[in-house]
């Protein structure tokens, strides 16, 4: 069985609000090897953790984060939305997979520069679609990239040459053994999101994926332990 990296989706959202420091810490405590977070910029250029464009769903305010200053955001959420710097500190030596929804090239540069300033370049990798990953690559030639890919058709060689991803990042329903084998033959790793049932986790492990992003770190840990035990029993 290939080693499978356990990635917590926005922390531990079944126990704590997603993309918050308690959620990140809980995911690490429960066995996540990496935590996927979403980063956006406030109007004054502070990278903060929030998946949605507005505060409505999680915090009850119909305000776009891009129209809030860092101070206003802290006031509206009572300090609940952490900065990227705080998130990097909260997970210690664990890895962060930074998703960059809707990021402009300027926003990408700010995020990558923040990671560099925090001395965290070796434990951070980035995911999003090709255009955003091209922006990351333009800023940092050595950045680790998990390029999100949403079709069964393989990326064009010219795109792969430009982005130079280490991973291709797929929605779990797209991934089967044939796709995983093809990606591996191309010298890349396969990451999948977001698998929450044990049946799906077992199927993906059987397909040979390299990383699974989940809201249920505990369940994935159990499935992986069971898979290793079963394989050990057959050897």
Foldseek 3Di string as FASTA:
>chain_A
DAAAAEEEEQAQCVVDPGQFLVRNLVRVVLPHLEYEFEWDAACVGFTWTDDDQACCPPQNDRGGRNDHHPVRVCVSRVNGIGTPLVSCVSNPQGAYEYEYPPDDLVSLLSVVVVCVVSVNQVRYAYEDALVSLLSNCVNPVPGAYAYEDEDLDDDDPVSCVRNVHQHHEYALVSDALVSQVVCVVVVHAYEYDEDEDLVSLLRVVVSPHHYYYYSCSNSNVVSVVVVVVVVVVVD
